[in-house]
Amino acid sequence: PTPEEQAVLDAINADMRAAALQKELRVLMRIET
């Protein structure tokens, strides 16, 4: 990611709800594949 994109990714990771949903989505997609 560019520095600007990384700042956005950091903002998403700093939000507890967004980070939890992202983690759940990654797990579900790994199980599916």
PDB file of all heavy atoms in Angstrom:
ATOM      1  N   PRO A   1       0.835  -1.205   0.000  1.00  0.00           N
ATOM      2  CA  PRO A   1       0.000   0.000   0.000  1.00  0.00           C
ATOM      3  C   PRO A   1       0.865   1.249   0.000  1.00  0.00           C
ATOM      4  O   PRO A   1       1.980   1.263   0.543  1.00  0.00           O
ATOM      5  CB  PRO A   1      -0.787  -0.121   1.306  1.00  0.00           C
ATOM      6  CG  PRO A   1       0.028  -1.003   2.180  1.00  0.00           C
ATOM      7  CD  PRO A   1       0.784  -1.922   1.266  1.00  0.00           C
ATOM      8  N   THR A   2       0.337   2.294  -0.608  1.00  0.00           N
ATOM      9  CA  THR A   2       0.993   3.596  -0.537  1.00  0.00           C
ATOM     10  C   THR A   2       0.862   4.087   0.912  1.00  0.00           C
ATOM     11  O   THR A   2       0.051   3.550   1.683  1.00  0.00           O
ATOM     12  CB  THR A   2       0.312   4.604  -1.474  1.00  0.00           C
ATOM     13  OG1 THR A   2      -1.032   4.826  -0.998  1.00  0.00           O
ATOM     14  CG2 THR A   2       0.288   4.120  -2.916  1.00  0.00           C
ATOM     15  N   PRO A   3       1.615   5.106   1.292  1.00  0.00           N
ATOM     16  CA  PRO A   3       1.447   5.635   2.659  1.00  0.00           C
ATOM     17  C   PRO A   3       0.007   6.067   2.951  1.00  0.00           C
ATOM     18  O   PRO A   3      -0.494   5.842   4.062  1.00  0.00           O
ATOM     19  CB  PRO A   3       2.408   6.830   2.699  1.00  0.00           C
ATOM     20  CG  PRO A   3       3.479   6.475   1.704  1.00  0.00           C
ATOM     21  CD  PRO A   3       2.753   5.743   0.600  1.00  0.00           C
ATOM     22  N   GLU A   4      -0.657   6.648   1.976  1.00  0.00           N
ATOM     23  CA  GLU A   4      -2.051   7.065   2.169  1.00  0.00           C
ATOM     24  C   GLU A   4      -2.968   5.856   2.348  1.00  0.00           C
ATOM     25  O   GLU A   4      -3.873   5.861   3.182  1.00  0.00           O
ATOM     26  CB  GLU A   4      -2.537   7.914   0.988  1.00  0.00           C
ATOM     27  CG  GLU A   4      -1.834   9.240   0.845  1.00  0.00           C
ATOM     28  CD  GLU A   4      -0.484   9.141   0.109  1.00  0.00           C
ATOM     29  OE1 GLU A   4      -0.147   8.073  -0.444  1.00  0.00           O
ATOM     30  OE2 GLU A   4       0.229  10.161   0.101  1.00  0.00           O
ATOM     31  N   GLU A   5      -2.745   4.821   1.533  1.00  0.00           N
ATOM     32  CA  GLU A   5      -3.539   3.592   1.655  1.00  0.00           C
ATOM     33  C   GLU A   5      -3.267   2.918   2.992  1.00  0.00           C
ATOM     34  O   GLU A   5      -4.193   2.406   3.635  1.00  0.00           O
ATOM     35  CB  GLU A   5      -3.227   2.640   0.498  1.00  0.00           C
ATOM     36  CG  GLU A   5      -3.722   3.134  -0.844  1.00  0.00           C
ATOM     37  CD  GLU A   5      -3.154   2.357  -2.015  1.00  0.00           C
ATOM     38  OE1 GLU A   5      -2.115   1.659  -1.867  1.00  0.00           O
ATOM     39  OE2 GLU A   5      -3.734   2.457  -3.103  1.00  0.00           O
ATOM     40  N   GLN A   6      -2.011   2.936   3.428  1.00  0.00           N
ATOM     41  CA  GLN A   6      -1.666   2.322   4.712  1.00  0.00           C
ATOM     42  C   GLN A   6      -2.364   3.045   5.857  1.00  0.00           C
ATOM     43  O   GLN A   6      -2.824   2.410   6.810  1.00  0.00           O
ATOM     44  CB  GLN A   6      -0.154   2.307   4.930  1.00  0.00           C
ATOM     45  CG  GLN A   6       0.267   1.554   6.180  1.00  0.00           C
ATOM     46  CD  GLN A   6      -0.155   0.094   6.152  1.00  0.00           C
ATOM     47  OE1 GLN A   6       0.193  -0.632   5.232  1.00  0.00           O
ATOM     48  NE2 GLN A   6      -0.908  -0.347   7.158  1.00  0.00           N
ATOM     49  N   ALA A   7      -2.458   4.357   5.773  1.00  0.00           N
ATOM     50  CA  ALA A   7      -3.163   5.121   6.807  1.00  0.00           C
ATOM     51  C   ALA A   7      -4.635   4.694   6.884  1.00  0.00           C
ATOM     52  O   ALA A   7      -5.196   4.575   7.980  1.00  0.00           O
ATOM     53  CB  ALA A   7      -3.047   6.615   6.538  1.00  0.00           C
ATOM     54  N   VAL A   8      -5.236   4.445   5.735  1.00  0.00           N
ATOM     55  CA  VAL A   8      -6.632   3.991   5.706  1.00  0.00           C
ATOM     56  C   VAL A   8      -6.733   2.585   6.300  1.00  0.00           C
ATOM     57  O   VAL A   8      -7.629   2.304   7.106  1.00  0.00           O
ATOM     58  CB  VAL A   8      -7.191   4.026   4.271  1.00  0.00           C
ATOM     59  CG1 VAL A   8      -8.548   3.362   4.202  1.00  0.00           C
ATOM     60  CG2 VAL A   8      -7.266   5.458   3.774  1.00  0.00           C
ATOM     61  N   LEU A   9      -5.819   1.703   5.932  1.00  0.00           N
ATOM     62  CA  LEU A   9      -5.822   0.342   6.486  1.00  0.00           C
ATOM     63  C   LEU A   9      -5.628   0.388   7.999  1.00  0.00           C
ATOM     64  O   LEU A   9      -6.273  -0.375   8.737  1.00  0.00           O
ATOM     65  CB  LEU A   9      -4.737  -0.508   5.822  1.00  0.00           C
ATOM     66  CG  LEU A   9      -4.906  -0.759   4.330  1.00  0.00           C
ATOM     67  CD1 LEU A   9      -3.689  -1.483   3.775  1.00  0.00           C
ATOM     68  CD2 LEU A   9      -6.172  -1.536   4.038  1.00  0.00           C
ATOM     69  N   ASP A  10      -4.771   1.285   8.466  1.00  0.00           N
ATOM     70  CA  ASP A  10      -4.562   1.445   9.906  1.00  0.00           C
ATOM     71  C   ASP A  10      -5.839   1.922  10.601  1.00  0.00           C
ATOM     72  O   ASP A  10      -6.154   1.465  11.705  1.00  0.00           O
ATOM     73  CB  ASP A  10      -3.422   2.422  10.180  1.00  0.00           C
ATOM     74  CG  ASP A  10      -2.059   1.881   9.775  1.00  0.00           C
ATOM     75  OD1 ASP A  10      -1.921   0.650   9.561  1.00  0.00           O
ATOM     76  OD2 ASP A  10      -1.118   2.695   9.658  1.00  0.00           O
ATOM     77  N   ALA A  11      -6.567   2.826   9.952  1.00  0.00           N
ATOM     78  CA  ALA A  11      -7.824   3.319  10.522  1.00  0.00           C
ATOM     79  C   ALA A  11      -8.845   2.191  10.634  1.00  0.00           C
ATOM     80  O   ALA A  11      -9.564   2.090  11.631  1.00  0.00           O
ATOM     81  CB  ALA A  11      -8.389   4.457   9.676  1.00  0.00           C
ATOM     82  N   ILE A  12      -8.896   1.331   9.644  1.00  0.00           N
ATOM     83  CA  ILE A  12      -9.816   0.188   9.688  1.00  0.00           C
ATOM     84  C   ILE A  12      -9.414  -0.754  10.815  1.00  0.00           C
ATOM     85  O   ILE A  12     -10.254  -1.201  11.604  1.00  0.00           O
ATOM     86  CB  ILE A  12      -9.846  -0.546   8.329  1.00  0.00           C
ATOM     87  CG1 ILE A  12     -10.486   0.354   7.267  1.00  0.00           C
ATOM     88  CG2 ILE A  12     -10.584  -1.883   8.435  1.00  0.00           C
ATOM     89  CD1 ILE A  12     -10.340  -0.162   5.848  1.00  0.00           C
ATOM     90  N   ASN A  13      -8.114  -1.033  10.924  1.00  0.00           N
ATOM     91  CA  ASN A  13      -7.632  -1.938  11.976  1.00  0.00           C
ATOM     92  C   ASN A  13      -7.807  -1.357  13.364  1.00  0.00           C
ATOM     93  O   ASN A  13      -7.924  -2.111  14.342  1.00  0.00           O
ATOM     94  CB  ASN A  13      -6.176  -2.305  11.729  1.00  0.00           C
ATOM     95  CG  ASN A  13      -6.015  -3.239  10.558  1.00  0.00           C
ATOM     96  OD1 ASN A  13      -6.879  -4.062  10.282  1.00  0.00           O
ATOM     97  ND2 ASN A  13      -4.917  -3.109   9.844  1.00  0.00           N
ATOM     98  N   ALA A  14      -7.827  -0.036  13.479  1.00  0.00           N
ATOM     99  CA  ALA A  14      -8.001   0.609  14.783  1.00  0.00           C
ATOM    100  C   ALA A  14      -9.454   0.549  15.262  1.00  0.00           C
ATOM    101  O   ALA A  14      -9.721   0.688  16.456  1.00  0.00           O
ATOM    102  CB  ALA A  14      -7.543   2.068  14.710  1.00  0.00           C
ATOM    103  N   ASP A  15     -10.374   0.343  14.345  1.00  0.00           N
ATOM    104  CA  ASP A  15     -11.786   0.233  14.702  1.00  0.00           C
ATOM    105  C   ASP A  15     -12.069  -1.212  15.098  1.00  0.00           C
ATOM    106  O   ASP A  15     -11.949  -2.133  14.278  1.00  0.00           O
ATOM    107  CB  ASP A  15     -12.668   0.639  13.515  1.00  0.00           C
ATOM    108  CG  ASP A  15     -14.131   0.607  13.867  1.00  0.00           C
ATOM    109  OD1 ASP A  15     -14.634   1.623  14.385  1.00  0.00           O
ATOM    110  OD2 ASP A  15     -14.768  -0.447  13.642  1.00  0.00           O
ATOM    111  N   MET A  16     -12.429  -1.434  16.354  1.00  0.00           N
ATOM    112  CA  MET A  16     -12.596  -2.804  16.864  1.00  0.00           C
ATOM    113  C   MET A  16     -13.625  -3.597  16.071  1.00  0.00           C
ATOM    114  O   MET A  16     -13.406  -4.768  15.769  1.00  0.00           O
ATOM    115  CB  MET A  16     -12.959  -2.783  18.350  1.00  0.00           C
ATOM    116  CG  MET A  16     -11.812  -2.326  19.230  1.00  0.00           C
ATOM    117  SD  MET A  16     -12.221  -2.213  20.986  1.00  0.00           S
ATOM    118  CE  MET A  16     -12.845  -3.838  21.343  1.00  0.00           C
ATOM    119  N   ARG A  17     -14.736  -2.986  15.728  1.00  0.00           N
ATOM    120  CA  ARG A  17     -15.803  -3.700  14.997  1.00  0.00           C
ATOM    121  C   ARG A  17     -15.355  -4.057  13.587  1.00  0.00           C
ATOM    122  O   ARG A  17     -15.539  -5.180  13.135  1.00  0.00           O
ATOM    123  CB  ARG A  17     -17.079  -2.847  14.969  1.00  0.00           C
ATOM    124  CG  ARG A  17     -18.227  -3.496  14.257  1.00  0.00           C
ATOM    125  CD  ARG A  17     -18.802  -4.652  15.049  1.00  0.00           C
ATOM    126  NE  ARG A  17     -19.909  -5.234  14.312  1.00  0.00           N
ATOM    127  CZ  ARG A  17     -20.156  -6.533  14.241  1.00  0.00           C
ATOM    128  NH1 ARG A  17     -19.409  -7.385  14.889  1.00  0.00           N
ATOM    129  NH2 ARG A  17     -21.175  -6.968  13.541  1.00  0.00           N
ATOM    130  N   ALA A  18     -14.735  -3.103  12.889  1.00  0.00           N
ATOM    131  CA  ALA A  18     -14.266  -3.372  11.528  1.00  0.00           C
ATOM    132  C   ALA A  18     -13.183  -4.450  11.540  1.00  0.00           C
ATOM    133  O   ALA A  18     -13.194  -5.352  10.700  1.00  0.00           O
ATOM    134  CB  ALA A  18     -13.740  -2.093  10.876  1.00  0.00           C
ATOM    135  N   ALA A  19     -12.263  -4.357  12.498  1.00  0.00           N
ATOM    136  CA  ALA A  19     -11.191  -5.351  12.578  1.00  0.00           C
ATOM    137  C   ALA A  19     -11.745  -6.743  12.866  1.00  0.00           C
ATOM    138  O   ALA A  19     -11.298  -7.734  12.278  1.00  0.00           O
ATOM    139  CB  ALA A  19     -10.179  -4.940  13.652  1.00  0.00           C
ATOM    140  N   ALA A  20     -12.732  -6.827  13.743  1.00  0.00           N
ATOM    141  CA  ALA A  20     -13.338  -8.126  14.058  1.00  0.00           C
ATOM    142  C   ALA A  20     -14.067  -8.709  12.853  1.00  0.00           C
ATOM    143  O   ALA A  20     -13.964  -9.912  12.571  1.00  0.00           O
ATOM    144  CB  ALA A  20     -14.291  -7.982  15.244  1.00  0.00           C
ATOM    145  N   LEU A  21     -14.806  -7.871  12.139  1.00  0.00           N
ATOM    146  CA  LEU A  21     -15.519  -8.344  10.945  1.00  0.00           C
ATOM    147  C   LEU A  21     -14.543  -8.793   9.863  1.00  0.00           C
ATOM    148  O   LEU A  21     -14.760  -9.809   9.200  1.00  0.00           O
ATOM    149  CB  LEU A  21     -16.445  -7.255  10.409  1.00  0.00           C
ATOM    150  CG  LEU A  21     -17.700  -6.992  11.231  1.00  0.00           C
ATOM    151  CD1 LEU A  21     -18.355  -5.680  10.815  1.00  0.00           C
ATOM    152  CD2 LEU A  21     -18.677  -8.157  11.096  1.00  0.00           C
ATOM    153  N   GLN A  22     -13.458  -8.032   9.696  1.00  0.00           N
ATOM    154  CA  GLN A  22     -12.461  -8.399   8.699  1.00  0.00           C
ATOM    155  C   GLN A  22     -11.824  -9.746   9.044  1.00  0.00           C
ATOM    156  O   GLN A  22     -11.639 -10.599   8.180  1.00  0.00           O
ATOM    157  CB  GLN A  22     -11.401  -7.313   8.593  1.00  0.00           C
ATOM    158  CG  GLN A  22     -10.421  -7.550   7.471  1.00  0.00           C
ATOM    159  CD  GLN A  22      -9.482  -6.369   7.304  1.00  0.00           C
ATOM    160  OE1 GLN A  22      -8.950  -5.850   8.283  1.00  0.00           O
ATOM    161  NE2 GLN A  22      -9.292  -5.946   6.070  1.00  0.00           N
ATOM    162  N   LYS A  23     -11.520  -9.955  10.313  1.00  0.00           N
ATOM    163  CA  LYS A  23     -10.935 -11.222  10.749  1.00  0.00           C
ATOM    164  C   LYS A  23     -11.924 -12.369  10.524  1.00  0.00           C
ATOM    165  O   LYS A  23     -11.546 -13.429  10.013  1.00  0.00           O
ATOM    166  CB  LYS A  23     -10.548 -11.141  12.220  1.00  0.00           C
ATOM    167  CG  LYS A  23      -9.877 -12.378  12.742  1.00  0.00           C
ATOM    168  CD  LYS A  23      -9.431 -12.217  14.179  1.00  0.00           C
ATOM    169  CE  LYS A  23      -8.739 -13.467  14.664  1.00  0.00           C
ATOM    170  NZ  LYS A  23      -8.277 -13.316  16.058  1.00  0.00           N
ATOM    171  N   GLU A  24     -13.175 -12.160  10.881  1.00  0.00           N
ATOM    172  CA  GLU A  24     -14.193 -13.190  10.671  1.00  0.00           C
ATOM    173  C   GLU A  24     -14.343 -13.517   9.187  1.00  0.00           C
ATOM    174  O   GLU A  24     -14.442 -14.691   8.806  1.00  0.00           O
ATOM    175  CB  GLU A  24     -15.532 -12.724  11.235  1.00  0.00           C
ATOM    176  CG  GLU A  24     -16.625 -13.762  11.121  1.00  0.00           C
ATOM    177  CD  GLU A  24     -17.945 -13.306  11.721  1.00  0.00           C
ATOM    178  OE1 GLU A  24     -18.037 -12.175  12.236  1.00  0.00           O
ATOM    179  OE2 GLU A  24     -18.894 -14.101  11.666  1.00  0.00           O
ATOM    180  N   LEU A  25     -14.321 -12.510   8.354  1.00  0.00           N
ATOM    181  CA  LEU A  25     -14.443 -12.717   6.909  1.00  0.00           C
ATOM    182  C   LEU A  25     -13.267 -13.526   6.373  1.00  0.00           C
ATOM    183  O   LEU A  25     -13.451 -14.448   5.576  1.00  0.00           O
ATOM    184  CB  LEU A  25     -14.550 -11.372   6.202  1.00  0.00           C
ATOM    185  CG  LEU A  25     -14.800 -11.389   4.703  1.00  0.00           C
ATOM    186  CD1 LEU A  25     -16.070 -12.158   4.380  1.00  0.00           C
ATOM    187  CD2 LEU A  25     -14.894  -9.966   4.175  1.00  0.00           C
ATOM    188  N   ARG A  26     -12.074 -13.191   6.806  1.00  0.00           N
ATOM    189  CA  ARG A  26     -10.891 -13.947   6.373  1.00  0.00           C
ATOM    190  C   ARG A  26     -10.980 -15.413   6.786  1.00  0.00           C
ATOM    191  O   ARG A  26     -10.657 -16.307   6.001  1.00  0.00           O
ATOM    192  CB  ARG A  26      -9.625 -13.323   6.937  1.00  0.00           C
ATOM    193  CG  ARG A  26      -9.246 -12.035   6.268  1.00  0.00           C
ATOM    194  CD  ARG A  26      -7.998 -11.453   6.878  1.00  0.00           C
ATOM    195  NE  ARG A  26      -7.626 -10.228   6.196  1.00  0.00           N
ATOM    196  CZ  ARG A  26      -6.926  -9.272   6.757  1.00  0.00           C
ATOM    197  NH1 ARG A  26      -6.505  -9.383   8.007  1.00  0.00           N
ATOM    198  NH2 ARG A  26      -6.625  -8.188   6.072  1.00  0.00           N
ATOM    199  N   VAL A  27     -11.416 -15.667   8.008  1.00  0.00           N
ATOM    200  CA  VAL A  27     -11.554 -17.045   8.480  1.00  0.00           C
ATOM    201  C   VAL A  27     -12.591 -17.787   7.650  1.00  0.00           C
ATOM    202  O   VAL A  27     -12.355 -18.920   7.209  1.00  0.00           O
ATOM    203  CB  VAL A  27     -11.917 -17.074   9.982  1.00  0.00           C
ATOM    204  CG1 VAL A  27     -12.343 -18.467  10.428  1.00  0.00           C
ATOM    205  CG2 VAL A  27     -10.738 -16.589  10.822  1.00  0.00           C
ATOM    206  N   LEU A  28     -13.741 -17.184   7.423  1.00  0.00           N
ATOM    207  CA  LEU A  28     -14.796 -17.829   6.643  1.00  0.00           C
ATOM    208  C   LEU A  28     -14.332 -18.142   5.228  1.00  0.00           C
ATOM    209  O   LEU A  28     -14.627 -19.210   4.688  1.00  0.00           O
ATOM    210  CB  LEU A  28     -16.052 -16.947   6.590  1.00  0.00           C
ATOM    211  CG  LEU A  28     -16.831 -16.809   7.890  1.00  0.00           C
ATOM    212  CD1 LEU A  28     -17.907 -15.756   7.753  1.00  0.00           C
ATOM    213  CD2 LEU A  28     -17.406 -18.153   8.318  1.00  0.00           C
ATOM    214  N   MET A  29     -13.595 -17.225   4.632  1.00  0.00           N
ATOM    215  CA  MET A  29     -13.139 -17.444   3.265  1.00  0.00           C
ATOM    216  C   MET A  29     -12.083 -18.555   3.218  1.00  0.00           C
ATOM    217  O   MET A  29     -12.060 -19.334   2.256  1.00  0.00           O
ATOM    218  CB  MET A  29     -12.616 -16.143   2.668  1.00  0.00           C
ATOM    219  CG  MET A  29     -13.755 -15.151   2.470  1.00  0.00           C
ATOM    220  SD  MET A  29     -13.260 -13.592   1.802  1.00  0.00           S
ATOM    221  CE  MET A  29     -13.048 -14.034   0.105  1.00  0.00           C
ATOM    222  N   ARG A  30     -11.256 -18.661   4.213  1.00  0.00           N
ATOM    223  CA  ARG A  30     -10.273 -19.747   4.251  1.00  0.00           C
ATOM    224  C   ARG A  30     -10.970 -21.093   4.418  1.00  0.00           C
ATOM    225  O   ARG A  30     -10.591 -22.065   3.777  1.00  0.00           O
ATOM    226  CB  ARG A  30      -9.281 -19.525   5.393  1.00  0.00           C
ATOM    227  CG  ARG A  30      -8.279 -18.465   5.086  1.00  0.00           C
ATOM    228  CD  ARG A  30      -7.219 -18.361   6.156  1.00  0.00           C
ATOM    229  NE  ARG A  30      -6.344 -17.264   5.875  1.00  0.00           N
ATOM    230  CZ  ARG A  30      -5.986 -16.343   6.748  1.00  0.00           C
ATOM    231  NH1 ARG A  30      -6.438 -16.400   7.985  1.00  0.00           N
ATOM    232  NH2 ARG A  30      -5.184 -15.372   6.406  1.00  0.00           N
ATOM    233  N   ILE A  31     -11.962 -21.146   5.271  1.00  0.00           N
ATOM    234  CA  ILE A  31     -12.714 -22.391   5.485  1.00  0.00           C
ATOM    235  C   ILE A  31     -13.404 -22.795   4.186  1.00  0.00           C
ATOM    236  O   ILE A  31     -13.392 -23.965   3.795  1.00  0.00           O
ATOM    237  CB  ILE A  31     -13.724 -22.243   6.628  1.00  0.00           C
ATOM    238  CG1 ILE A  31     -12.984 -22.121   7.957  1.00  0.00           C
ATOM    239  CG2 ILE A  31     -14.694 -23.419   6.653  1.00  0.00           C
ATOM    240  CD1 ILE A  31     -13.862 -21.738   9.126  1.00  0.00           C
ATOM    241  N   GLU A  32     -13.986 -21.821   3.495  1.00  0.00           N
ATOM    242  CA  GLU A  32     -14.714 -22.097   2.256  1.00  0.00           C
ATOM    243  C   GLU A  32     -13.811 -22.667   1.182  1.00  0.00           C
ATOM    244  O   GLU A  32     -14.226 -23.469   0.354  1.00  0.00           O
ATOM    245  CB  GLU A  32     -15.375 -20.801   1.746  1.00  0.00           C
ATOM    246  CG  GLU A  32     -16.209 -20.966   0.500  1.00  0.00           C
ATOM    247  CD  GLU A  32     -17.484 -21.767   0.715  1.00  0.00           C
ATOM    248  OE1 GLU A  32     -17.919 -21.921   1.856  1.00  0.00           O
ATOM    249  OE2 GLU A  32     -18.032 -22.233  -0.291  1.00  0.00           O
ATOM    250  N   THR A  33     -12.531 -22.281   1.183  1.00  0.00           N
ATOM    251  CA  THR A  33     -11.621 -22.729   0.123  1.00  0.00           C
ATOM    252  C   THR A  33     -10.818 -23.967   0.490  1.00  0.00           C
ATOM    253  O   THR A  33     -10.012 -24.434  -0.315  1.00  0.00           O
ATOM    254  CB  THR A  33     -10.650 -21.600  -0.270  1.00  0.00           C
ATOM    255  OG1 THR A  33      -9.892 -21.206   0.885  1.00  0.00           O
ATOM    256  CG2 THR A  33     -11.388 -20.398  -0.833  1.00  0.00           C
TER     257      THR A  33
END
